[in-house]
Amino acid sequence: MTTESSRRRDSDLAALVEHLDALEGAGRRVPCRAGSVTSTAIWTSDDPVEQEVAAQRCAGCPALASCGAFGLAHPRELGVWGGRTAHARRRRPRFDPSVAA
C-alpha cells in the first residue's frame, strides 16, 4: 500500500468510526460493535462460514451503506464490511453482453 493510499484508508476508516460512534450515541444498534469481543470476532474471522454469519447479521445495520462503501473502496481490508465478505468485495461482476448496447 502506498503512503497516499494508506493515508486515504486511515482517513476513511476514521470517518467510518466517527459515524459508527454517532449512531451508537443516538441509540442505534451497530451489530459488529454490539456484544462481547467473542461474539463480534466473526466480522474479522478467517473462517468463511463465520464471515457469512457476520454478513447476514449486517442486515438492517444503520451503517450498512457507509461501511459497505469503505469495504469497496478498500477491498484488501480483511473481514466483513457492509454485509460483504472480503471475497465478495473482490469479486468483479461478470460481463453480460445483453446489457452492453
N, C-alpha and C. Protein backbone atom coordinates (compact mmCIF):
# COMPACT_ATOMS: atom_id res chain seq x y z
N MET A 1 0.86 -1.17 0.00
CA MET A 1 0.00 0.00 0.00
C MET A 1 0.90 1.23 0.00
N THR A 2 0.62 2.14 -0.91
CA THR A 2 1.42 3.36 -0.97
C THR A 2 1.07 4.27 0.20
N THR A 3 1.93 5.23 0.43
CA THR A 3 1.70 6.16 1.52
C THR A 3 0.41 6.93 1.30
N GLU A 4 0.15 7.35 0.07
CA GLU A 4 -1.08 8.09 -0.23
C GLU A 4 -2.32 7.23 0.02
N SER A 5 -2.30 5.99 -0.47
CA SER A 5 -3.47 5.13 -0.27
C SER A 5 -3.62 4.75 1.21
N SER A 6 -2.50 4.65 1.90
CA SER A 6 -2.55 4.37 3.33
C SER A 6 -3.19 5.53 4.09
N ARG A 7 -2.83 6.74 3.72
CA ARG A 7 -3.44 7.92 4.35
C ARG A 7 -4.93 8.00 4.07
N ARG A 8 -5.29 7.70 2.83
CA ARG A 8 -6.70 7.74 2.45
C ARG A 8 -7.49 6.67 3.21
N ARG A 9 -6.91 5.48 3.33
CA ARG A 9 -7.55 4.40 4.08
C ARG A 9 -7.73 4.80 5.54
N ASP A 10 -6.69 5.37 6.14
CA ASP A 10 -6.78 5.79 7.54
C ASP A 10 -7.83 6.88 7.73
N SER A 11 -7.89 7.81 6.80
CA SER A 11 -8.88 8.89 6.86
C SER A 11 -10.30 8.34 6.69
N ASP A 12 -10.46 7.45 5.73
CA ASP A 12 -11.78 6.84 5.50
C ASP A 12 -12.23 6.02 6.71
N LEU A 13 -11.29 5.28 7.30
CA LEU A 13 -11.62 4.47 8.47
C LEU A 13 -11.99 5.36 9.66
N ALA A 14 -11.26 6.43 9.85
CA ALA A 14 -11.57 7.36 10.95
C ALA A 14 -12.97 7.96 10.77
N ALA A 15 -13.32 8.29 9.53
CA ALA A 15 -14.65 8.84 9.26
C ALA A 15 -15.74 7.80 9.53
N LEU A 16 -15.48 6.56 9.16
CA LEU A 16 -16.45 5.49 9.42
C LEU A 16 -16.61 5.26 10.91
N VAL A 17 -15.52 5.22 11.65
CA VAL A 17 -15.59 5.02 13.10
C VAL A 17 -16.35 6.17 13.76
N GLU A 18 -16.12 7.38 13.30
CA GLU A 18 -16.86 8.54 13.83
C GLU A 18 -18.36 8.38 13.56
N HIS A 19 -18.69 7.91 12.37
CA HIS A 19 -20.10 7.67 12.01
C HIS A 19 -20.72 6.60 12.91
N LEU A 20 -19.98 5.49 13.12
CA LEU A 20 -20.46 4.42 13.99
C LEU A 20 -20.67 4.92 15.42
N ASP A 21 -19.72 5.71 15.89
CA ASP A 21 -19.84 6.29 17.24
C ASP A 21 -21.09 7.16 17.36
N ALA A 22 -21.35 7.96 16.32
CA ALA A 22 -22.53 8.84 16.33
C ALA A 22 -23.82 8.01 16.33
N LEU A 23 -23.84 6.96 15.54
CA LEU A 23 -25.03 6.10 15.51
C LEU A 23 -25.28 5.48 16.88
N GLU A 24 -24.23 4.95 17.48
CA GLU A 24 -24.38 4.35 18.81
C GLU A 24 -24.76 5.41 19.85
N GLY A 25 -24.21 6.60 19.73
CA GLY A 25 -24.55 7.68 20.63
C GLY A 25 -26.01 8.08 20.54
N ALA A 26 -26.60 7.85 19.37
CA ALA A 26 -28.01 8.16 19.15
C ALA A 26 -28.91 6.96 19.50
N GLY A 27 -28.29 5.92 20.06
CA GLY A 27 -29.08 4.76 20.48
C GLY A 27 -29.32 3.73 19.40
N ARG A 28 -28.65 3.86 18.26
CA ARG A 28 -28.81 2.89 17.17
C ARG A 28 -27.88 1.71 17.40
N ARG A 29 -28.35 0.52 17.12
CA ARG A 29 -27.56 -0.70 17.31
C ARG A 29 -26.72 -0.98 16.07
N VAL A 30 -25.42 -1.13 16.28
CA VAL A 30 -24.49 -1.48 15.22
C VAL A 30 -24.00 -2.90 15.52
N PRO A 31 -24.47 -3.91 14.75
CA PRO A 31 -24.21 -5.31 15.08
C PRO A 31 -22.75 -5.69 15.32
N CYS A 32 -21.83 -5.14 14.53
CA CYS A 32 -20.43 -5.53 14.68
C CYS A 32 -19.80 -4.96 15.95
N ARG A 33 -20.49 -4.05 16.60
CA ARG A 33 -19.98 -3.46 17.83
C ARG A 33 -20.82 -3.83 19.05
N ALA A 34 -21.86 -4.59 18.83
CA ALA A 34 -22.75 -4.98 19.94
C ALA A 34 -22.34 -6.36 20.44
N GLY A 35 -22.26 -6.51 21.73
CA GLY A 35 -21.96 -7.82 22.30
C GLY A 35 -20.53 -7.92 22.78
N SER A 36 -20.17 -9.13 23.13
CA SER A 36 -18.83 -9.38 23.66
C SER A 36 -17.80 -9.43 22.53
N VAL A 37 -16.55 -9.40 22.91
CA VAL A 37 -15.48 -9.50 21.92
C VAL A 37 -15.60 -10.82 21.16
N THR A 38 -15.96 -11.87 21.85
CA THR A 38 -16.11 -13.18 21.21
C THR A 38 -17.21 -13.15 20.15
N SER A 39 -18.34 -12.52 20.47
CA SER A 39 -19.44 -12.51 19.51
C SER A 39 -19.19 -11.56 18.34
N THR A 40 -18.34 -10.57 18.51
CA THR A 40 -18.05 -9.65 17.41
C THR A 40 -16.83 -10.07 16.59
N ALA A 41 -16.12 -11.09 17.04
CA ALA A 41 -14.91 -11.54 16.34
C ALA A 41 -15.22 -12.13 14.97
N ILE A 42 -16.47 -12.53 14.73
CA ILE A 42 -16.80 -13.12 13.43
C ILE A 42 -16.62 -12.14 12.28
N TRP A 43 -16.67 -10.85 12.56
CA TRP A 43 -16.51 -9.86 11.49
C TRP A 43 -15.08 -9.82 10.96
N THR A 44 -14.13 -10.33 11.72
CA THR A 44 -12.74 -10.36 11.27
C THR A 44 -12.19 -11.78 11.18
N SER A 45 -13.05 -12.76 11.23
CA SER A 45 -12.65 -14.16 11.19
C SER A 45 -12.12 -14.55 9.81
N ASP A 46 -11.22 -15.52 9.79
CA ASP A 46 -10.73 -16.10 8.53
C ASP A 46 -11.65 -17.22 8.04
N ASP A 47 -12.55 -17.65 8.89
CA ASP A 47 -13.45 -18.77 8.58
C ASP A 47 -14.59 -18.28 7.68
N PRO A 48 -14.72 -18.83 6.46
CA PRO A 48 -15.77 -18.40 5.54
C PRO A 48 -17.19 -18.56 6.11
N VAL A 49 -17.41 -19.59 6.90
CA VAL A 49 -18.74 -19.79 7.49
C VAL A 49 -19.05 -18.66 8.49
N GLU A 50 -18.08 -18.32 9.33
CA GLU A 50 -18.28 -17.22 10.27
C GLU A 50 -18.46 -15.89 9.54
N GLN A 51 -17.72 -15.70 8.45
CA GLN A 51 -17.87 -14.47 7.66
C GLN A 51 -19.28 -14.35 7.09
N GLU A 52 -19.83 -15.45 6.62
CA GLU A 52 -21.19 -15.43 6.08
C GLU A 52 -22.21 -15.10 7.18
N VAL A 53 -22.00 -15.65 8.37
CA VAL A 53 -22.88 -15.33 9.51
C VAL A 53 -22.79 -13.84 9.81
N ALA A 54 -21.58 -13.30 9.83
CA ALA A 54 -21.39 -11.87 10.10
C ALA A 54 -22.08 -11.04 9.02
N ALA A 55 -21.91 -11.42 7.77
CA ALA A 55 -22.52 -10.67 6.67
C ALA A 55 -24.05 -10.65 6.82
N GLN A 56 -24.63 -11.78 7.22
CA GLN A 56 -26.08 -11.84 7.43
C GLN A 56 -26.51 -10.94 8.58
N ARG A 57 -25.69 -10.86 9.62
CA ARG A 57 -26.03 -10.02 10.77
C ARG A 57 -25.95 -8.53 10.46
N CYS A 58 -25.33 -8.19 9.35
CA CYS A 58 -25.26 -6.78 8.95
C CYS A 58 -26.62 -6.26 8.45
N ALA A 59 -27.49 -7.16 8.07
CA ALA A 59 -28.80 -6.73 7.54
C ALA A 59 -29.48 -5.82 8.56
N GLY A 60 -29.94 -4.72 8.11
CA GLY A 60 -30.64 -3.78 8.98
C GLY A 60 -29.73 -2.84 9.74
N CYS A 61 -28.42 -2.97 9.58
CA CYS A 61 -27.49 -2.08 10.28
C CYS A 61 -27.62 -0.66 9.72
N PRO A 62 -27.67 0.33 10.58
CA PRO A 62 -27.81 1.71 10.09
C PRO A 62 -26.56 2.22 9.37
N ALA A 63 -25.46 1.51 9.48
CA ALA A 63 -24.22 1.93 8.82
C ALA A 63 -23.91 1.08 7.59
N LEU A 64 -24.86 0.28 7.15
CA LEU A 64 -24.62 -0.66 6.06
C LEU A 64 -24.03 0.03 4.83
N ALA A 65 -24.60 1.12 4.40
CA ALA A 65 -24.13 1.79 3.18
C ALA A 65 -22.74 2.39 3.36
N SER A 66 -22.51 3.10 4.45
CA SER A 66 -21.20 3.74 4.64
C SER A 66 -20.11 2.70 4.89
N CYS A 67 -20.44 1.66 5.61
CA CYS A 67 -19.49 0.58 5.87
C CYS A 67 -19.18 -0.17 4.57
N GLY A 68 -20.21 -0.41 3.79
CA GLY A 68 -20.02 -1.08 2.51
C GLY A 68 -19.17 -0.25 1.56
N ALA A 69 -19.37 1.06 1.57
CA ALA A 69 -18.57 1.95 0.72
C ALA A 69 -17.10 1.87 1.11
N PHE A 70 -16.83 1.81 2.42
CA PHE A 70 -15.45 1.68 2.88
C PHE A 70 -14.87 0.35 2.37
N GLY A 71 -15.62 -0.72 2.54
CA GLY A 71 -15.14 -2.03 2.10
C GLY A 71 -14.86 -2.11 0.62
N LEU A 72 -15.70 -1.48 -0.18
CA LEU A 72 -15.49 -1.49 -1.63
C LEU A 72 -14.32 -0.59 -2.03
N ALA A 73 -14.14 0.52 -1.32
CA ALA A 73 -13.02 1.43 -1.60
C ALA A 73 -11.69 0.83 -1.18
N HIS A 74 -11.74 -0.10 -0.23
CA HIS A 74 -10.51 -0.72 0.30
C HIS A 74 -10.67 -2.24 0.30
N PRO A 75 -10.71 -2.85 -0.89
CA PRO A 75 -11.00 -4.28 -1.00
C PRO A 75 -9.97 -5.21 -0.35
N ARG A 76 -8.81 -4.71 -0.04
CA ARG A 76 -7.79 -5.56 0.60
C ARG A 76 -8.01 -5.68 2.11
N GLU A 77 -8.94 -4.89 2.65
CA GLU A 77 -9.24 -4.98 4.08
C GLU A 77 -9.81 -6.35 4.39
N LEU A 78 -9.36 -6.93 5.46
CA LEU A 78 -9.87 -8.22 5.89
C LEU A 78 -11.22 -8.05 6.57
N GLY A 79 -11.97 -9.10 6.61
CA GLY A 79 -13.22 -9.09 7.35
C GLY A 79 -14.43 -8.73 6.52
N VAL A 80 -15.53 -8.57 7.22
CA VAL A 80 -16.81 -8.25 6.60
C VAL A 80 -17.06 -6.75 6.74
N TRP A 81 -17.39 -6.12 5.64
CA TRP A 81 -17.68 -4.68 5.61
C TRP A 81 -18.97 -4.48 4.83
N GLY A 82 -19.93 -3.85 5.44
CA GLY A 82 -21.18 -3.55 4.74
C GLY A 82 -21.93 -4.79 4.27
N GLY A 83 -21.84 -5.85 5.04
CA GLY A 83 -22.56 -7.07 4.69
C GLY A 83 -21.91 -7.90 3.60
N ARG A 84 -20.66 -7.59 3.27
CA ARG A 84 -19.97 -8.34 2.23
C ARG A 84 -18.63 -8.86 2.75
N THR A 85 -18.37 -10.12 2.47
CA THR A 85 -17.09 -10.71 2.86
C THR A 85 -15.98 -10.14 1.99
N ALA A 86 -14.74 -10.35 2.40
CA ALA A 86 -13.60 -9.88 1.60
C ALA A 86 -13.66 -10.50 0.21
N HIS A 87 -14.00 -11.78 0.14
CA HIS A 87 -14.10 -12.46 -1.15
C HIS A 87 -15.17 -11.81 -2.03
N ALA A 88 -16.32 -11.53 -1.47
CA ALA A 88 -17.41 -10.92 -2.24
C ALA A 88 -17.05 -9.52 -2.72
N ARG A 89 -16.32 -8.77 -1.90
CA ARG A 89 -15.93 -7.41 -2.30
C ARG A 89 -14.91 -7.42 -3.42
N ARG A 90 -14.09 -8.45 -3.49
CA ARG A 90 -13.04 -8.52 -4.52
C ARG A 90 -13.55 -9.08 -5.85
N ARG A 91 -14.67 -9.77 -5.78
CA ARG A 91 -15.24 -10.38 -6.99
C ARG A 91 -15.65 -9.28 -7.96
N ARG A 92 -15.28 -9.45 -9.18
CA ARG A 92 -15.67 -8.47 -10.21
C ARG A 92 -16.93 -8.98 -10.90
N PRO A 93 -17.84 -8.07 -11.23
CA PRO A 93 -19.04 -8.52 -11.94
C PRO A 93 -18.65 -9.09 -13.30
N ARG A 94 -19.35 -10.13 -13.69
CA ARG A 94 -19.09 -10.74 -14.99
C ARG A 94 -19.70 -9.88 -16.09
N PHE A 95 -19.06 -9.92 -17.24
CA PHE A 95 -19.56 -9.19 -18.40
C PHE A 95 -20.81 -9.86 -18.92
N ASP A 96 -21.85 -9.09 -19.07
CA ASP A 96 -23.11 -9.60 -19.60
C ASP A 96 -23.36 -8.90 -20.93
N PRO A 97 -23.16 -9.62 -22.06
CA PRO A 97 -23.30 -8.96 -23.36
C PRO A 97 -24.70 -8.44 -23.65
N SER A 98 -25.71 -8.98 -22.97
CA SER A 98 -27.07 -8.49 -23.20
C SER A 98 -27.26 -7.10 -22.63
N VAL A 99 -26.40 -6.70 -21.68
CA VAL A 99 -26.52 -5.38 -21.07
C VAL A 99 -25.79 -4.34 -21.92
N ALA A 100 -24.70 -4.73 -22.55
CA ALA A 100 -23.92 -3.81 -23.38
C ALA A 100 -24.71 -3.51 -24.64
N ALA A 101 -24.87 -2.24 -24.91
CA ALA A 101 -25.62 -1.88 -26.11
C ALA A 101 -24.94 -0.78 -26.86
